[in-house]
Amino acid sequence: AGMVYLTLYFCGKFHIFSNPESTLAIIRAFLSFWPLIISCFTSVSRVIDYHHHPSDIIAGAIIGTIIANISYFLYY
């Protein structure tokens, strides 16, 4: 939930959806989505190390994404 919230916050601060024709749009998009990339690598490593089942990861991602979206759009 924290990484999705941080990604939404970066997307809002960098204005990546309001000005997509800028030359720095790709760099700003990469910087905005790095929290999701890190969380994906973490979840894959948890499955590979047999600490979690894929269903645990998927359920946690769905719950965390819903909570992060609600809290982000509630405050911003």
PDB file of N, CA and C in Angstrom:
ATOM      1  N   ALA A   1       0.825  -1.181   0.000  1.00  0.00           N
ATOM      2  CA  ALA A   1       0.000   0.000   0.000  1.00  0.00           C
ATOM      3  C   ALA A   1       0.877   1.256   0.000  1.00  0.00           C
ATOM      4  N   GLY A   2       1.964   1.199   0.725  1.00  0.00           N
ATOM      5  CA  GLY A   2       2.851   2.353   0.797  1.00  0.00           C
ATOM      6  C   GLY A   2       3.517   2.675  -0.527  1.00  0.00           C
ATOM      7  N   MET A   3       3.911   1.658  -1.240  1.00  0.00           N
ATOM      8  CA  MET A   3       4.575   1.890  -2.529  1.00  0.00           C
ATOM      9  C   MET A   3       3.592   2.390  -3.582  1.00  0.00           C
ATOM     10  N   VAL A   4       2.366   1.898  -3.576  1.00  0.00           N
ATOM     11  CA  VAL A   4       1.362   2.400  -4.519  1.00  0.00           C
ATOM     12  C   VAL A   4       1.038   3.853  -4.201  1.00  0.00           C
ATOM     13  N   TYR A   5       0.911   4.172  -2.919  1.00  0.00           N
ATOM     14  CA  TYR A   5       0.653   5.550  -2.513  1.00  0.00           C
ATOM     15  C   TYR A   5       1.808   6.455  -2.934  1.00  0.00           C
ATOM     16  N   LEU A   6       3.032   5.996  -2.742  1.00  0.00           N
ATOM     17  CA  LEU A   6       4.198   6.784  -3.141  1.00  0.00           C
ATOM     18  C   LEU A   6       4.248   6.978  -4.645  1.00  0.00           C
ATOM     19  N   THR A   7       3.878   5.963  -5.405  1.00  0.00           N
ATOM     20  CA  THR A   7       3.829   6.091  -6.859  1.00  0.00           C
ATOM     21  C   THR A   7       2.789   7.114  -7.283  1.00  0.00           C
ATOM     22  N   LEU A   8       1.611   7.064  -6.690  1.00  0.00           N
ATOM     23  CA  LEU A   8       0.570   8.043  -7.012  1.00  0.00           C
ATOM     24  C   LEU A   8       1.011   9.454  -6.641  1.00  0.00           C
ATOM     25  N   TYR A   9       1.703   9.582  -5.522  1.00  0.00           N
ATOM     26  CA  TYR A   9       2.198  10.891  -5.091  1.00  0.00           C
ATOM     27  C   TYR A   9       3.226  11.439  -6.075  1.00  0.00           C
ATOM     28  N   PHE A  10       4.166  10.598  -6.501  1.00  0.00           N
ATOM     29  CA  PHE A  10       5.165  11.027  -7.488  1.00  0.00           C
ATOM     30  C   PHE A  10       4.518  11.382  -8.824  1.00  0.00           C
ATOM     31  N   CYS A  11       3.529  10.603  -9.234  1.00  0.00           N
ATOM     32  CA  CYS A  11       2.827  10.911 -10.490  1.00  0.00           C
ATOM     33  C   CYS A  11       2.161  12.277 -10.405  1.00  0.00           C
ATOM     34  N   GLY A  12       1.596  12.588  -9.262  1.00  0.00           N
ATOM     35  CA  GLY A  12       0.967  13.895  -9.082  1.00  0.00           C
ATOM     36  C   GLY A  12       1.975  15.030  -9.041  1.00  0.00           C
ATOM     37  N   LYS A  13       3.095  14.814  -8.380  1.00  0.00           N
ATOM     38  CA  LYS A  13       4.108  15.866  -8.269  1.00  0.00           C
ATOM     39  C   LYS A  13       4.842  16.113  -9.585  1.00  0.00           C
ATOM     40  N   PHE A  14       5.080  15.062 -10.359  1.00  0.00           N
ATOM     41  CA  PHE A  14       5.793  15.204 -11.623  1.00  0.00           C
ATOM     42  C   PHE A  14       4.875  15.539 -12.790  1.00  0.00           C
ATOM     43  N   HIS A  15       3.563  15.550 -12.572  1.00  0.00           N
ATOM     44  CA  HIS A  15       2.569  15.874 -13.608  1.00  0.00           C
ATOM     45  C   HIS A  15       2.767  15.004 -14.856  1.00  0.00           C
ATOM     46  N   ILE A  16       2.908  13.699 -14.663  1.00  0.00           N
ATOM     47  CA  ILE A  16       3.179  12.856 -15.830  1.00  0.00           C
ATOM     48  C   ILE A  16       1.943  12.598 -16.673  1.00  0.00           C
ATOM     49  N   PHE A  17       0.760  12.752 -16.103  1.00  0.00           N
ATOM     50  CA  PHE A  17      -0.446  12.529 -16.887  1.00  0.00           C
ATOM     51  C   PHE A  17      -0.980  13.802 -17.526  1.00  0.00           C
ATOM     52  N   SER A  18      -0.553  14.960 -17.040  1.00  0.00           N
ATOM     53  CA  SER A  18      -1.071  16.214 -17.589  1.00  0.00           C
ATOM     54  C   SER A  18      -0.244  16.736 -18.756  1.00  0.00           C
ATOM     55  N   ASN A  19       1.036  16.368 -18.848  1.00  0.00           N
ATOM     56  CA  ASN A  19       1.902  16.863 -19.918  1.00  0.00           C
ATOM     57  C   ASN A  19       2.715  15.706 -20.499  1.00  0.00           C
ATOM     58  N   PRO A  20       2.086  14.774 -21.214  1.00  0.00           N
ATOM     59  CA  PRO A  20       2.821  13.601 -21.699  1.00  0.00           C
ATOM     60  C   PRO A  20       3.707  13.866 -22.915  1.00  0.00           C
ATOM     61  N   GLU A  21       3.622  15.035 -23.530  1.00  0.00           N
ATOM     62  CA  GLU A  21       4.386  15.306 -24.734  1.00  0.00           C
ATOM     63  C   GLU A  21       5.763  15.902 -24.450  1.00  0.00           C
ATOM     64  N   SER A  22       6.099  16.062 -23.205  1.00  0.00           N
ATOM     65  CA  SER A  22       7.384  16.619 -22.842  1.00  0.00           C
ATOM     66  C   SER A  22       8.498  15.615 -23.122  1.00  0.00           C
ATOM     67  N   THR A  23       9.697  16.137 -23.381  1.00  0.00           N
ATOM     68  CA  THR A  23      10.829  15.251 -23.668  1.00  0.00           C
ATOM     69  C   THR A  23      11.292  14.512 -22.419  1.00  0.00           C
ATOM     70  N   LEU A  24      11.021  15.059 -21.266  1.00  0.00           N
ATOM     71  CA  LEU A  24      11.417  14.406 -20.019  1.00  0.00           C
ATOM     72  C   LEU A  24      10.330  13.500 -19.462  1.00  0.00           C
ATOM     73  N   ALA A  25       9.285  13.252 -20.248  1.00  0.00           N
ATOM     74  CA  ALA A  25       8.153  12.461 -19.756  1.00  0.00           C
ATOM     75  C   ALA A  25       8.567  11.031 -19.429  1.00  0.00           C
ATOM     76  N   ILE A  26       9.461  10.453 -20.208  1.00  0.00           N
ATOM     77  CA  ILE A  26       9.896   9.081 -19.945  1.00  0.00           C
ATOM     78  C   ILE A  26      10.713   9.012 -18.662  1.00  0.00           C
ATOM     79  N   ILE A  27      11.570   9.969 -18.456  1.00  0.00           N
ATOM     80  CA  ILE A  27      12.383   9.993 -17.234  1.00  0.00           C
ATOM     81  C   ILE A  27      11.501  10.213 -16.017  1.00  0.00           C
ATOM     82  N   ARG A  28      10.565  11.139 -16.115  1.00  0.00           N
ATOM     83  CA  ARG A  28       9.658  11.389 -14.993  1.00  0.00           C
ATOM     84  C   ARG A  28       8.767  10.184 -14.719  1.00  0.00           C
ATOM     85  N   ALA A  29       8.346   9.490 -15.760  1.00  0.00           N
ATOM     86  CA  ALA A  29       7.521   8.295 -15.572  1.00  0.00           C
ATOM     87  C   ALA A  29       8.327   7.186 -14.888  1.00  0.00           C
ATOM     88  N   PHE A  30       9.580   7.005 -15.297  1.00  0.00           N
ATOM     89  CA  PHE A  30      10.419   6.002 -14.641  1.00  0.00           C
ATOM     90  C   PHE A  30      10.639   6.343 -13.177  1.00  0.00           C
ATOM     91  N   LEU A  31      10.910   7.604 -12.882  1.00  0.00           N
ATOM     92  CA  LEU A  31      11.100   8.011 -11.494  1.00  0.00           C
ATOM     93  C   LEU A  31       9.823   7.853 -10.676  1.00  0.00           C
ATOM     94  N   SER A  32       8.690   8.025 -11.323  1.00  0.00           N
ATOM     95  CA  SER A  32       7.425   7.882 -10.615  1.00  0.00           C
ATOM     96  C   SER A  32       7.094   6.431 -10.311  1.00  0.00           C
ATOM     97  N   PHE A  33       7.478   5.532 -11.198  1.00  0.00           N
ATOM     98  CA  PHE A  33       7.086   4.139 -11.046  1.00  0.00           C
ATOM     99  C   PHE A  33       8.155   3.261 -10.394  1.00  0.00           C
ATOM    100  N   TRP A  34       9.262   3.830  -9.925  1.00  0.00           N
ATOM    101  CA  TRP A  34      10.285   3.005  -9.294  1.00  0.00           C
ATOM    102  C   TRP A  34       9.799   2.347  -8.015  1.00  0.00           C
ATOM    103  N   PRO A  35       8.907   2.940  -7.207  1.00  0.00           N
ATOM    104  CA  PRO A  35       8.411   2.205  -6.038  1.00  0.00           C
ATOM    105  C   PRO A  35       7.667   0.918  -6.406  1.00  0.00           C
ATOM    106  N   LEU A  36       6.907   0.945  -7.498  1.00  0.00           N
ATOM    107  CA  LEU A  36       6.214  -0.269  -7.923  1.00  0.00           C
ATOM    108  C   LEU A  36       7.190  -1.317  -8.437  1.00  0.00           C
ATOM    109  N   ILE A  37       8.242  -0.876  -9.097  1.00  0.00           N
ATOM    110  CA  ILE A  37       9.249  -1.814  -9.586  1.00  0.00           C
ATOM    111  C   ILE A  37       9.943  -2.498  -8.409  1.00  0.00           C
ATOM    112  N   ILE A  38      10.279  -1.731  -7.399  1.00  0.00           N
ATOM    113  CA  ILE A  38      10.920  -2.298  -6.207  1.00  0.00           C
ATOM    114  C   ILE A  38       9.987  -3.272  -5.507  1.00  0.00           C
ATOM    115  N   SER A  39       8.713  -2.921  -5.379  1.00  0.00           N
ATOM    116  CA  SER A  39       7.782  -3.826  -4.702  1.00  0.00           C
ATOM    117  C   SER A  39       7.549  -5.099  -5.515  1.00  0.00           C
ATOM    118  N   CYS A  40       7.575  -5.007  -6.836  1.00  0.00           N
ATOM    119  CA  CYS A  40       7.448  -6.217  -7.659  1.00  0.00           C
ATOM    120  C   CYS A  40       8.649  -7.135  -7.478  1.00  0.00           C
ATOM    121  N   PHE A  41       9.849  -6.578  -7.448  1.00  0.00           N
ATOM    122  CA  PHE A  41      11.035  -7.392  -7.210  1.00  0.00           C
ATOM    123  C   PHE A  41      10.999  -8.035  -5.822  1.00  0.00           C
ATOM    124  N   THR A  42      10.517  -7.300  -4.836  1.00  0.00           N
ATOM    125  CA  THR A  42      10.406  -7.847  -3.486  1.00  0.00           C
ATOM    126  C   THR A  42       9.413  -8.997  -3.443  1.00  0.00           C
ATOM    127  N   SER A  43       8.273  -8.823  -4.099  1.00  0.00           N
ATOM    128  CA  SER A  43       7.273  -9.895  -4.078  1.00  0.00           C
ATOM    129  C   SER A  43       7.764 -11.142  -4.814  1.00  0.00           C
ATOM    130  N   VAL A  44       8.472 -10.962  -5.911  1.00  0.00           N
ATOM    131  CA  VAL A  44       9.024 -12.116  -6.634  1.00  0.00           C
ATOM    132  C   VAL A  44      10.064 -12.832  -5.779  1.00  0.00           C
ATOM    133  N   SER A  45      10.887 -12.083  -5.066  1.00  0.00           N
ATOM    134  CA  SER A  45      11.902 -12.719  -4.224  1.00  0.00           C
ATOM    135  C   SER A  45      11.265 -13.468  -3.065  1.00  0.00           C
ATOM    136  N   ARG A  46      10.132 -12.991  -2.550  1.00  0.00           N
ATOM    137  CA  ARG A  46       9.438 -13.700  -1.475  1.00  0.00           C
ATOM    138  C   ARG A  46       8.874 -15.025  -1.957  1.00  0.00           C
ATOM    139  N   VAL A  47       8.411 -15.070  -3.199  1.00  0.00           N
ATOM    140  CA  VAL A  47       7.890 -16.323  -3.753  1.00  0.00           C
ATOM    141  C   VAL A  47       9.033 -17.285  -4.058  1.00  0.00           C
ATOM    142  N   ILE A  48      10.111 -16.775  -4.623  1.00  0.00           N
ATOM    143  CA  ILE A  48      11.249 -17.640  -4.967  1.00  0.00           C
ATOM    144  C   ILE A  48      11.884 -18.250  -3.714  1.00  0.00           C
ATOM    145  N   ASP A  49      11.931 -17.488  -2.616  1.00  0.00           N
ATOM    146  CA  ASP A  49      12.518 -17.987  -1.370  1.00  0.00           C
ATOM    147  C   ASP A  49      11.551 -18.829  -0.548  1.00  0.00           C
ATOM    148  N   TYR A  50      10.362 -19.085  -1.084  1.00  0.00           N
ATOM    149  CA  TYR A  50       9.337 -19.905  -0.422  1.00  0.00           C
ATOM    150  C   TYR A  50       8.872 -19.325   0.916  1.00  0.00           C
ATOM    151  N   HIS A  51       8.827 -17.999   1.029  1.00  0.00           N
ATOM    152  CA  HIS A  51       8.272 -17.373   2.224  1.00  0.00           C
ATOM    153  C   HIS A  51       6.774 -17.123   2.083  1.00  0.00           C
ATOM    154  N   HIS A  52       6.308 -16.954   0.859  1.00  0.00           N
ATOM    155  CA  HIS A  52       4.891 -16.716   0.588  1.00  0.00           C
ATOM    156  C   HIS A  52       4.454 -17.503  -0.637  1.00  0.00           C
ATOM    157  N   HIS A  53       3.152 -17.749  -0.701  1.00  0.00           N
ATOM    158  CA  HIS A  53       2.565 -18.338  -1.896  1.00  0.00           C
ATOM    159  C   HIS A  53       2.149 -17.207  -2.834  1.00  0.00           C
ATOM    160  N   PRO A  54       2.060 -17.468  -4.132  1.00  0.00           N
ATOM    161  CA  PRO A  54       1.623 -16.404  -5.052  1.00  0.00           C
ATOM    162  C   PRO A  54       0.245 -15.849  -4.720  1.00  0.00           C
ATOM    163  N   SER A  55      -0.640 -16.679  -4.181  1.00  0.00           N
ATOM    164  CA  SER A  55      -1.967 -16.174  -3.811  1.00  0.00           C
ATOM    165  C   SER A  55      -1.880 -15.170  -2.660  1.00  0.00           C
ATOM    166  N   ASP A  56      -0.938 -15.362  -1.740  1.00  0.00           N
ATOM    167  CA  ASP A  56      -0.728 -14.383  -0.659  1.00  0.00           C
ATOM    168  C   ASP A  56      -0.311 -13.034  -1.227  1.00  0.00           C
ATOM    169  N   ILE A  57       0.604 -13.069  -2.175  1.00  0.00           N
ATOM    170  CA  ILE A  57       1.121 -11.840  -2.780  1.00  0.00           C
ATOM    171  C   ILE A  57       0.027 -11.121  -3.558  1.00  0.00           C
ATOM    172  N   ILE A  58      -0.748 -11.866  -4.327  1.00  0.00           N
ATOM    173  CA  ILE A  58      -1.805 -11.258  -5.143  1.00  0.00           C
ATOM    174  C   ILE A  58      -2.876 -10.643  -4.256  1.00  0.00           C
ATOM    175  N   ALA A  59      -3.271 -11.358  -3.202  1.00  0.00           N
ATOM    176  CA  ALA A  59      -4.285 -10.824  -2.293  1.00  0.00           C
ATOM    177  C   ALA A  59      -3.780  -9.570  -1.581  1.00  0.00           C
ATOM    178  N   GLY A  60      -2.536  -9.593  -1.142  1.00  0.00           N
ATOM    179  CA  GLY A  60      -1.964  -8.414  -0.487  1.00  0.00           C
ATOM    180  C   GLY A  60      -1.832  -7.232  -1.429  1.00  0.00           C
ATOM    181  N   ALA A  61      -1.499  -7.509  -2.683  1.00  0.00           N
ATOM    182  CA  ALA A  61      -1.376  -6.430  -3.664  1.00  0.00           C
ATOM    183  C   ALA A  61      -2.731  -5.805  -3.961  1.00  0.00           C
ATOM    184  N   ILE A  62      -3.756  -6.619  -4.058  1.00  0.00           N
ATOM    185  CA  ILE A  62      -5.093  -6.084  -4.322  1.00  0.00           C
ATOM    186  C   ILE A  62      -5.582  -5.248  -3.144  1.00  0.00           C
ATOM    187  N   ILE A  63      -5.443  -5.770  -1.940  1.00  0.00           N
ATOM    188  CA  ILE A  63      -5.880  -5.034  -0.752  1.00  0.00           C
ATOM    189  C   ILE A  63      -5.078  -3.749  -0.595  1.00  0.00           C
ATOM    190  N   GLY A  64      -3.763  -3.825  -0.768  1.00  0.00           N
ATOM    191  CA  GLY A  64      -2.918  -2.637  -0.634  1.00  0.00           C
ATOM    192  C   GLY A  64      -3.203  -1.586  -1.686  1.00  0.00           C
ATOM    193  N   THR A  65      -3.472  -2.014  -2.915  1.00  0.00           N
ATOM    194  CA  THR A  65      -3.777  -1.067  -3.987  1.00  0.00           C
ATOM    195  C   THR A  65      -5.104  -0.358  -3.727  1.00  0.00           C
ATOM    196  N   ILE A  66      -6.092  -1.086  -3.271  1.00  0.00           N
ATOM    197  CA  ILE A  66      -7.389  -0.465  -2.966  1.00  0.00           C
ATOM    198  C   ILE A  66      -7.245   0.544  -1.838  1.00  0.00           C
ATOM    199  N   ILE A  67      -6.558   0.178  -0.781  1.00  0.00           N
ATOM    200  CA  ILE A  67      -6.383   1.088   0.355  1.00  0.00           C
ATOM    201  C   ILE A  67      -5.564   2.313  -0.047  1.00  0.00           C
ATOM    202  N   ALA A  68      -4.505   2.120  -0.832  1.00  0.00           N
ATOM    203  CA  ALA A  68      -3.675   3.250  -1.260  1.00  0.00           C
ATOM    204  C   ALA A  68      -4.456   4.195  -2.161  1.00  0.00           C
ATOM    205  N   ASN A  69      -5.259   3.662  -3.077  1.00  0.00           N
ATOM    206  CA  ASN A  69      -6.061   4.527  -3.949  1.00  0.00           C
ATOM    207  C   ASN A  69      -7.098   5.313  -3.154  1.00  0.00           C
ATOM    208  N   ILE A  70      -7.753   4.664  -2.225  1.00  0.00           N
ATOM    209  CA  ILE A  70      -8.755   5.362  -1.410  1.00  0.00           C
ATOM    210  C   ILE A  70      -8.099   6.464  -0.598  1.00  0.00           C
ATOM    211  N   SER A  71      -6.986   6.158   0.059  1.00  0.00           N
ATOM    212  CA  SER A  71      -6.355   7.170   0.904  1.00  0.00           C
ATOM    213  C   SER A  71      -5.723   8.293   0.088  1.00  0.00           C
ATOM    214  N   TYR A  72      -5.177   7.992  -1.088  1.00  0.00           N
ATOM    215  CA  TYR A  72      -4.588   9.044  -1.906  1.00  0.00           C
ATOM    216  C   TYR A  72      -5.650   9.991  -2.415  1.00  0.00           C
ATOM    217  N   PHE A  73      -6.706   9.438  -2.998  1.00  0.00           N
ATOM    218  CA  PHE A  73      -7.740  10.303  -3.571  1.00  0.00           C
ATOM    219  C   PHE A  73      -8.613  10.958  -2.504  1.00  0.00           C
ATOM    220  N   LEU A  74      -8.525  10.481  -1.276  1.00  0.00           N
ATOM    221  CA  LEU A  74      -9.221  11.133  -0.172  1.00  0.00           C
ATOM    222  C   LEU A  74      -8.502  12.418   0.227  1.00  0.00           C
ATOM    223  N   TYR A  75      -7.169  12.409   0.185  1.00  0.00           N
ATOM    224  CA  TYR A  75      -6.388  13.556   0.632  1.00  0.00           C
ATOM    225  C   TYR A  75      -5.893  14.447  -0.497  1.00  0.00           C
ATOM    226  N   TYR A  76      -5.809  13.954  -1.738  1.00  0.00           N
ATOM    227  CA  TYR A  76      -5.293  14.791  -2.837  1.00  0.00           C
ATOM    228  C   TYR A  76      -6.326  14.903  -3.905  1.00  0.00           C
TER     229      TYR A  76
END
